[in-house]
C-alpha atoms as a PDB file:
ATOM      1  CA  MET A   1    -150.644 104.119 -54.176  1.00  0.00           C
ATOM      2  CA  GLU A   2    -149.623 100.813 -55.716  1.00  0.00           C
ATOM      3  CA  ASN A   3    -153.308  99.883 -56.099  1.00  0.00           C
ATOM      4  CA  THR A   4    -154.061 102.965 -58.209  1.00  0.00           C
ATOM      5  CA  ALA A   5    -153.697 102.590 -61.982  1.00  0.00           C
ATOM      6  CA  ARG A   6    -150.706 104.602 -63.186  1.00  0.00           C
ATOM      7  CA  HIS A   7    -152.671 106.369 -65.937  1.00  0.00           C
ATOM      8  CA  LEU A   8    -154.997 107.842 -63.276  1.00  0.00           C
ATOM      9  CA  ILE A   9    -152.218 109.442 -61.205  1.00  0.00           C
ATOM     10  CA  ILE A  10    -151.791 113.172 -61.880  1.00  0.00           C
ATOM     11  CA  SER A  11    -149.237 114.254 -59.288  1.00  0.00           C
ATOM     12  CA  VAL A  12    -147.117 112.545 -56.633  1.00  0.00           C
ATOM     13  CA  GLY A  13    -145.828 114.176 -53.472  1.00  0.00           C
ATOM     14  CA  GLN A  14    -143.606 112.873 -50.701  1.00  0.00           C
ATOM     15  CA  ARG A  15    -146.532 111.476 -48.681  1.00  0.00           C
ATOM     16  CA  VAL A  16    -149.713 111.996 -50.730  1.00  0.00           C
ATOM     17  CA  PHE A  17    -150.750 111.892 -54.376  1.00  0.00           C
ATOM     18  CA  LEU A  18    -153.470 113.254 -56.655  1.00  0.00           C
ATOM     19  CA  SER A  19    -155.457 110.964 -58.956  1.00  0.00           C
ATOM     20  CA  LEU A  20    -158.513 110.791 -61.209  1.00  0.00           C
ATOM     21  CA  PRO A  21    -161.647 108.709 -60.468  1.00  0.00           C
ATOM     22  CA  GLU A  22    -161.490 105.051 -61.514  1.00  0.00           C
ATOM     23  CA  HIS A  23    -164.978 104.884 -62.979  1.00  0.00           C
ATOM     24  CA  ALA A  24    -166.988 108.014 -63.765  1.00  0.00           C
ATOM     25  CA  SER A  25    -166.445 111.691 -63.002  1.00  0.00           C
ATOM     26  CA  LEU A  26    -169.086 113.973 -61.580  1.00  0.00           C
ATOM     27  CA  THR A  27    -167.612 116.885 -63.527  1.00  0.00           C
ATOM     28  CA  PRO A  28    -164.336 117.919 -65.193  1.00  0.00           C
ATOM     29  CA  GLY A  29    -161.743 118.482 -62.475  1.00  0.00           C
ATOM     30  CA  HIS A  30    -163.139 115.767 -60.181  1.00  0.00           C
ATOM     31  CA  CYS A  31    -160.169 114.085 -58.467  1.00  0.00           C
ATOM     32  CA  PHE A  32    -158.859 112.494 -55.260  1.00  0.00           C
ATOM     33  CA  ILE A  33    -156.116 113.267 -52.743  1.00  0.00           C
ATOM     34  CA  ALA A  34    -154.823 110.200 -50.907  1.00  0.00           C
ATOM     35  CA  PRO A  35    -151.844 109.208 -48.753  1.00  0.00           C
ATOM     36  CA  HIS A  36    -149.280 106.793 -50.221  1.00  0.00           C
ATOM     37  CA  GLU A  37    -149.637 104.367 -47.336  1.00  0.00           C
ATOM     38  CA  HIS A  38    -152.718 102.315 -46.565  1.00  0.00           C
ATOM     39  CA  ILE A  39    -154.238 104.196 -43.654  1.00  0.00           C
ATOM     40  CA  GLY A  40    -157.874 104.485 -42.646  1.00  0.00           C
ATOM     41  CA  ALA A  41    -158.221 108.192 -41.839  1.00  0.00           C
ATOM     42  CA  MET A  42    -156.534 111.521 -42.537  1.00  0.00           C
ATOM     43  CA  THR A  43    -156.634 112.092 -38.775  1.00  0.00           C
ATOM     44  CA  ARG A  44    -153.962 109.384 -38.495  1.00  0.00           C
ATOM     45  CA  VAL A  45    -151.449 110.549 -41.126  1.00  0.00           C
ATOM     46  CA  ASP A  46    -148.246 112.323 -40.116  1.00  0.00           C
ATOM     47  CA  GLY A  47    -147.694 116.069 -40.302  1.00  0.00           C
ATOM     48  CA  VAL A  48    -145.902 115.958 -43.659  1.00  0.00           C
ATOM     49  CA  ALA A  49    -148.841 114.139 -45.297  1.00  0.00           C
ATOM     50  CA  ALA A  50    -151.335 116.534 -43.723  1.00  0.00           C
ATOM     51  CA  ASP A  51    -149.383 119.551 -44.978  1.00  0.00           C
ATOM     52  CA  GLU A  52    -149.107 118.106 -48.487  1.00  0.00           C
ATOM     53  CA  ALA A  53    -152.849 117.403 -48.617  1.00  0.00           C
ATOM     54  CA  TYR A  54    -153.450 121.001 -47.538  1.00  0.00           C
ATOM     55  CA  ALA A  55    -151.165 122.282 -50.304  1.00  0.00           C
ATOM     56  CA  TYR A  56    -152.986 120.216 -52.925  1.00  0.00           C
ATOM     57  CA  LYS A  57    -156.306 121.645 -51.745  1.00  0.00           C
ATOM     58  CA  GLN A  58    -154.980 125.195 -52.075  1.00  0.00           C
ATOM     59  CA  LYS A  59    -153.763 124.533 -55.627  1.00  0.00           C
ATOM     60  CA  LEU A  60    -157.064 122.953 -56.649  1.00  0.00           C
ATOM     61  CA  CYS A  61    -159.057 125.916 -55.312  1.00  0.00           C
ATOM     62  CA  LYS A  62    -156.936 128.286 -57.404  1.00  0.00           C
ATOM     63  CA  LEU A  63    -157.336 126.013 -60.410  1.00  0.00           C
ATOM     64  CA  ALA A  64    -161.137 126.019 -60.179  1.00  0.00           C
ATOM     65  CA  SER A  65    -161.488 129.697 -61.088  1.00  0.00           C
ATOM     66  CA  ARG A  66    -158.476 129.876 -63.406  1.00  0.00           C
ATOM     67  CA  SER A  67    -158.651 126.769 -65.603  1.00  0.00           C
ATOM     68  CA  LEU A  68    -162.025 125.062 -65.149  1.00  0.00           C
ATOM     69  CA  ASP A  69    -164.218 127.930 -66.361  1.00  0.00           C
ATOM     70  CA  LEU A  70    -165.885 128.361 -62.960  1.00  0.00           C
ATOM     71  CA  SER A  71    -166.222 132.081 -62.260  1.00  0.00           C
ATOM     72  CA  HIS A  72    -165.042 132.590 -58.663  1.00  0.00           C
ATOM     73  CA  GLY A  73    -165.625 128.867 -58.117  1.00  0.00           C
ATOM     74  CA  SER A  74    -163.766 126.514 -55.831  1.00  0.00           C
ATOM     75  CA  TYR A  75    -163.699 122.909 -54.618  1.00  0.00           C
ATOM     76  CA  VAL A  76    -165.708 120.890 -52.131  1.00  0.00           C
ATOM     77  CA  PHE A  77    -163.644 118.274 -50.279  1.00  0.00           C
ATOM     78  CA  LEU A  78    -165.277 115.094 -48.963  1.00  0.00           C
ATOM     79  CA  GLU A  79    -163.553 112.823 -46.474  1.00  0.00           C
ATOM     80  CA  VAL A  80    -164.897 109.474 -45.231  1.00  0.00           C
ATOM     81  CA  ALA A  81    -163.148 107.340 -42.610  1.00  0.00           C
ATOM     82  CA  ALA A  82    -165.238 104.286 -41.850  1.00  0.00           C
ATOM     83  CA  TYR A  83    -162.351 102.242 -40.421  1.00  0.00           C
ATOM     84  CA  PRO A  84    -159.727 104.686 -39.118  1.00  0.00           C
ATOM     85  CA  ASN A  85    -157.700 102.016 -37.338  1.00  0.00           C
ATOM     86  CA  SER A  86    -157.572  99.576 -40.239  1.00  0.00           C
ATOM     87  CA  TYR A  87    -154.599  99.417 -42.585  1.00  0.00           C
ATOM     88  CA  LYS A  88    -156.711  97.429 -45.050  1.00  0.00           C
ATOM     89  CA  HIS A  89    -158.684 100.567 -45.886  1.00  0.00           C
ATOM     90  CA  HIS A  90    -157.262 103.503 -47.794  1.00  0.00           C
ATOM     91  CA  VAL A  91    -158.753 106.913 -46.981  1.00  0.00           C
ATOM     92  CA  ARG A  92    -159.175 109.391 -49.840  1.00  0.00           C
ATOM     93  CA  ILE A  93    -160.271 113.011 -50.000  1.00  0.00           C
ATOM     94  CA  GLU A  94    -162.730 113.442 -52.842  1.00  0.00           C
ATOM     95  CA  CYS A  95    -162.337 116.818 -54.577  1.00  0.00           C
ATOM     96  CA  ILE A  96    -165.264 118.189 -56.604  1.00  0.00           C
ATOM     97  CA  PRO A  97    -165.220 121.629 -58.288  1.00  0.00           C
ATOM     98  CA  VAL A  98    -168.309 123.825 -57.996  1.00  0.00           C
ATOM     99  CA  ASP A  99    -169.287 127.336 -59.031  1.00  0.00           C
ATOM    100  CA  ARG A 100    -169.543 130.252 -56.593  1.00  0.00           C
ATOM    101  CA  GLU A 101    -173.329 130.112 -56.211  1.00  0.00           C
ATOM    102  CA  THR A 102    -173.220 126.426 -55.348  1.00  0.00           C
ATOM    103  CA  LEU A 103    -170.336 126.961 -52.948  1.00  0.00           C
ATOM    104  CA  GLU A 104    -172.389 129.530 -51.057  1.00  0.00           C
ATOM    105  CA  GLU A 105    -175.445 127.280 -50.775  1.00  0.00           C
ATOM    106  CA  LEU A 106    -173.846 123.911 -49.997  1.00  0.00           C
ATOM    107  CA  PRO A 107    -172.854 124.514 -46.324  1.00  0.00           C
ATOM    108  CA  LEU A 108    -176.459 124.893 -45.165  1.00  0.00           C
ATOM    109  CA  TYR A 109    -177.522 121.954 -47.328  1.00  0.00           C
ATOM    110  CA  PHE A 110    -174.832 119.651 -45.933  1.00  0.00           C
ATOM    111  CA  LYS A 111    -175.356 120.779 -42.346  1.00  0.00           C
ATOM    112  CA  LYS A 112    -179.031 119.874 -42.524  1.00  0.00           C
ATOM    113  CA  ALA A 113    -178.300 116.532 -44.208  1.00  0.00           C
ATOM    114  CA  LEU A 114    -175.663 115.653 -41.594  1.00  0.00           C
ATOM    115  CA  HIS A 115    -178.032 116.495 -38.739  1.00  0.00           C
ATOM    116  CA  GLU A 116    -180.508 114.005 -40.176  1.00  0.00           C
ATOM    117  CA  LEU A 117    -177.932 111.212 -40.472  1.00  0.00           C
ATOM    118  CA  GLY A 118    -177.440 108.412 -37.996  1.00  0.00           C
ATOM    119  CA  SER A 119    -179.392 106.333 -35.542  1.00  0.00           C
ATOM    120  CA  GLU A 120    -181.495 107.646 -32.664  1.00  0.00           C
ATOM    121  CA  TRP A 121    -179.149 105.692 -30.361  1.00  0.00           C
ATOM    122  CA  ASP A 122    -175.983 107.483 -31.484  1.00  0.00           C
ATOM    123  CA  GLN A 123    -173.949 109.044 -28.668  1.00  0.00           C
ATOM    124  CA  ASN A 124    -172.422 111.663 -30.981  1.00  0.00           C
ATOM    125  CA  LYS A 125    -175.212 113.526 -32.740  1.00  0.00           C
ATOM    126  CA  ARG A 126    -173.469 116.874 -33.173  1.00  0.00           C
ATOM    127  CA  VAL A 127    -172.273 118.313 -36.452  1.00  0.00           C
ATOM    128  CA  ILE A 128    -168.903 119.827 -35.532  1.00  0.00           C
ATOM    129  CA  PRO A 129    -167.356 122.823 -37.344  1.00  0.00           C
ATOM    130  CA  LEU A 130    -163.853 122.071 -38.632  1.00  0.00           C
ATOM    131  CA  ARG A 131    -161.131 123.611 -36.486  1.00  0.00           C
ATOM    132  CA  ARG A 132    -158.236 123.975 -38.950  1.00  0.00           C
ATOM    133  CA  PRO A 133    -158.927 125.423 -42.413  1.00  0.00           C
ATOM    134  CA  GLY A 134    -157.671 123.072 -45.098  1.00  0.00           C
ATOM    135  CA  PHE A 135    -157.010 120.119 -42.788  1.00  0.00           C
ATOM    136  CA  GLY A 136    -160.402 118.406 -42.838  1.00  0.00           C
ATOM    137  CA  ALA A 137    -161.283 116.371 -39.765  1.00  0.00           C
ATOM    138  CA  ARG A 138    -157.747 116.563 -38.377  1.00  0.00           C
ATOM    139  CA  ASP A 139    -157.780 118.064 -34.840  1.00  0.00           C
ATOM    140  CA  SER A 140    -161.595 118.105 -34.918  1.00  0.00           C
ATOM    141  CA  VAL A 141    -162.274 114.483 -33.899  1.00  0.00           C
ATOM    142  CA  PRO A 142    -160.122 111.853 -32.114  1.00  0.00           C
ATOM    143  CA  GLU A 143    -157.968 109.897 -34.549  1.00  0.00           C
ATOM    144  CA  ASN A 144    -159.573 106.536 -33.695  1.00  0.00           C
ATOM    145  CA  PHE A 145    -163.133 107.748 -34.457  1.00  0.00           C
ATOM    146  CA  GLY A 146    -164.893 107.038 -37.750  1.00  0.00           C
ATOM    147  CA  TYR A 147    -166.290 110.153 -39.402  1.00  0.00           C
ATOM    148  CA  PHE A 148    -167.586 111.988 -42.440  1.00  0.00           C
ATOM    149  CA  ALA A 149    -166.149 115.469 -43.124  1.00  0.00           C
ATOM    150  CA  VAL A 150    -166.894 118.085 -45.755  1.00  0.00           C
ATOM    151  CA  GLU A 151    -164.915 121.251 -46.444  1.00  0.00           C
ATOM    152  CA  PHE A 152    -165.953 124.139 -48.697  1.00  0.00           C
ATOM    153  CA  GLY A 153    -163.152 125.761 -50.663  1.00  0.00           C
ATOM    154  CA  ASP A 154    -160.168 127.370 -48.961  1.00  0.00           C
ATOM    155  CA  ARG A 155    -162.033 129.714 -46.668  1.00  0.00           C
ATOM    156  CA  GLY A 156    -162.059 127.360 -43.691  1.00  0.00           C
ATOM    157  CA  GLU A 157    -165.738 126.477 -43.578  1.00  0.00           C
ATOM    158  CA  GLY A 158    -166.719 122.850 -43.140  1.00  0.00           C
ATOM    159  CA  PHE A 159    -168.228 120.205 -40.876  1.00  0.00           C
ATOM    160  CA  VAL A 160    -167.417 116.786 -39.484  1.00  0.00           C
ATOM    161  CA  LYS A 161    -169.729 114.215 -37.926  1.00  0.00           C
ATOM    162  CA  VAL A 162    -168.670 111.133 -36.009  1.00  0.00           C
ATOM    163  CA  ILE A 163    -170.372 108.080 -37.506  1.00  0.00           C
ATOM    164  CA  GLU A 164    -171.009 105.301 -34.984  1.00  0.00           C
ATOM    165  CA  ASP A 165    -173.329 103.055 -36.966  1.00  0.00           C
ATOM    166  CA  TRP A 166    -172.023 102.695 -40.508  1.00  0.00           C
ATOM    167  CA  SER A 167    -175.027 100.588 -41.464  1.00  0.00           C
ATOM    168  CA  SER A 168    -177.098 103.773 -41.189  1.00  0.00           C
ATOM    169  CA  PHE A 169    -174.658 105.829 -43.266  1.00  0.00           C
ATOM    170  CA  PRO A 170    -175.688 105.998 -46.951  1.00  0.00           C
ATOM    171  CA  PRO A 171    -172.933 104.813 -49.318  1.00  0.00           C
ATOM    172  CA  TYR A 172    -171.379 107.733 -51.211  1.00  0.00           C
ATOM    173  CA  PHE A 173    -173.338 110.192 -49.057  1.00  0.00           C
ATOM    174  CA  GLY A 174    -171.405 113.299 -50.061  1.00  0.00           C
ATOM    175  CA  ARG A 175    -171.054 112.270 -53.701  1.00  0.00           C
ATOM    176  CA  VAL A 176    -174.834 111.898 -53.917  1.00  0.00           C
ATOM    177  CA  CYS A 177    -175.632 115.149 -52.090  1.00  0.00           C
ATOM    178  CA  ILE A 178    -173.634 117.363 -54.442  1.00  0.00           C
ATOM    179  CA  PRO A 179    -175.109 116.186 -57.791  1.00  0.00           C
ATOM    180  CA  VAL A 180    -178.637 116.295 -56.371  1.00  0.00           C
ATOM    181  CA  PHE A 181    -178.032 119.907 -55.390  1.00  0.00           C
ATOM    182  CA  LEU A 182    -176.249 120.830 -58.604  1.00  0.00           C
ATOM    183  CA  SER A 183    -179.066 119.422 -60.709  1.00  0.00           C
ATOM    184  CA  PHE A 184    -181.065 122.485 -59.713  1.00  0.00           C
ATOM    185  CA  THR A 185    -178.292 125.056 -60.096  1.00  0.00           C
ATOM    186  CA  SER A 186    -175.980 124.051 -62.907  1.00  0.00           C
ATOM    187  CA  HIS A 187    -175.524 121.970 -66.013  1.00  0.00           C
ATOM    188  CA  LEU A 188    -172.949 119.595 -64.542  1.00  0.00           C
ATOM    189  CA  VAL A 189    -173.435 115.989 -65.537  1.00  0.00           C
ATOM    190  CA  VAL A 190    -173.829 113.497 -62.682  1.00  0.00           C
ATOM    191  CA  LEU A 191    -172.267 110.509 -64.437  1.00  0.00           C
ATOM    192  CA  ILE A 192    -170.297 110.550 -67.663  1.00  0.00           C
ATOM    193  CA  PRO A 193    -168.500 107.769 -69.534  1.00  0.00           C
ATOM    194  CA  LEU A 194    -165.029 106.924 -68.249  1.00  0.00           C
ATOM    195  CA  SER A 195    -163.266 107.751 -71.519  1.00  0.00           C
ATOM    196  CA  TYR A 196    -164.857 111.197 -71.584  1.00  0.00           C
ATOM    197  CA  GLY A 197    -164.104 111.718 -67.895  1.00  0.00           C
ATOM    198  CA  LEU A 198    -160.407 110.961 -68.397  1.00  0.00           C
ATOM    199  CA  SER A 199    -160.050 113.282 -71.360  1.00  0.00           C
ATOM    200  CA  MET A 200    -161.864 116.136 -69.630  1.00  0.00           C
ATOM    201  CA  CYS A 201    -160.371 115.737 -66.163  1.00  0.00           C
ATOM    202  CA  ARG A 202    -156.813 115.247 -67.384  1.00  0.00           C
ATOM    203  CA  SER A 203    -156.766 118.792 -68.689  1.00  0.00           C
ATOM    204  CA  PRO A 204    -153.535 120.785 -69.122  1.00  0.00           C
ATOM    205  CA  GLY A 205    -154.649 123.031 -66.268  1.00  0.00           C
ATOM    206  CA  LEU A 206    -155.225 120.208 -63.817  1.00  0.00           C
ATOM    207  CA  CYS A 207    -151.995 118.383 -64.644  1.00  0.00           C
ATOM    208  CA  SER A 208    -149.700 121.411 -64.728  1.00  0.00           C
ATOM    209  CA  SER A 209    -151.112 123.101 -61.650  1.00  0.00           C
ATOM    210  CA  CYS A 210    -150.582 120.111 -59.364  1.00  0.00           C
END
């Protein structure tokens, strides 16, 4: 947490914290959940941190429909762990609000995109359904495996894929997939200036709810 600018931090828990993007936001309400300690994967955090991350997700999902003007909307949660065993890398859960129509369509879109990822030599080709609603890849893959996970709202639907060859994994895979999809279904802006992103994302609803 010490490497995150103080003005970007929205809420601090015992083990995890909520912060705004450093550069540009995909949409108002775009934020990150991350553990305090430098740890490479959410599969490796302790139970308190996992529970706090879950609680933040629940609050954000409620916020989406109440304060972000998304009728029956929710959040999509993206989790990338390229180096789960490295303490030099800091895992973050990227949280992006979407409307209800997008939330309904994204699972099929992501499942197809994940199936197409990776090398033909990969041992783990399967796209695995998440086992514990709200807990991302935790309990779905071994803690020493690198992975990409996506979770849709608070209803328990989501997928994880073990990534063996990170050279074949597109940078910002999930962050790119969502705006490409949204460009056909909504008026969300893909990239907006940082000053605008801070003023829009640091809304009274987002700050007070978390």
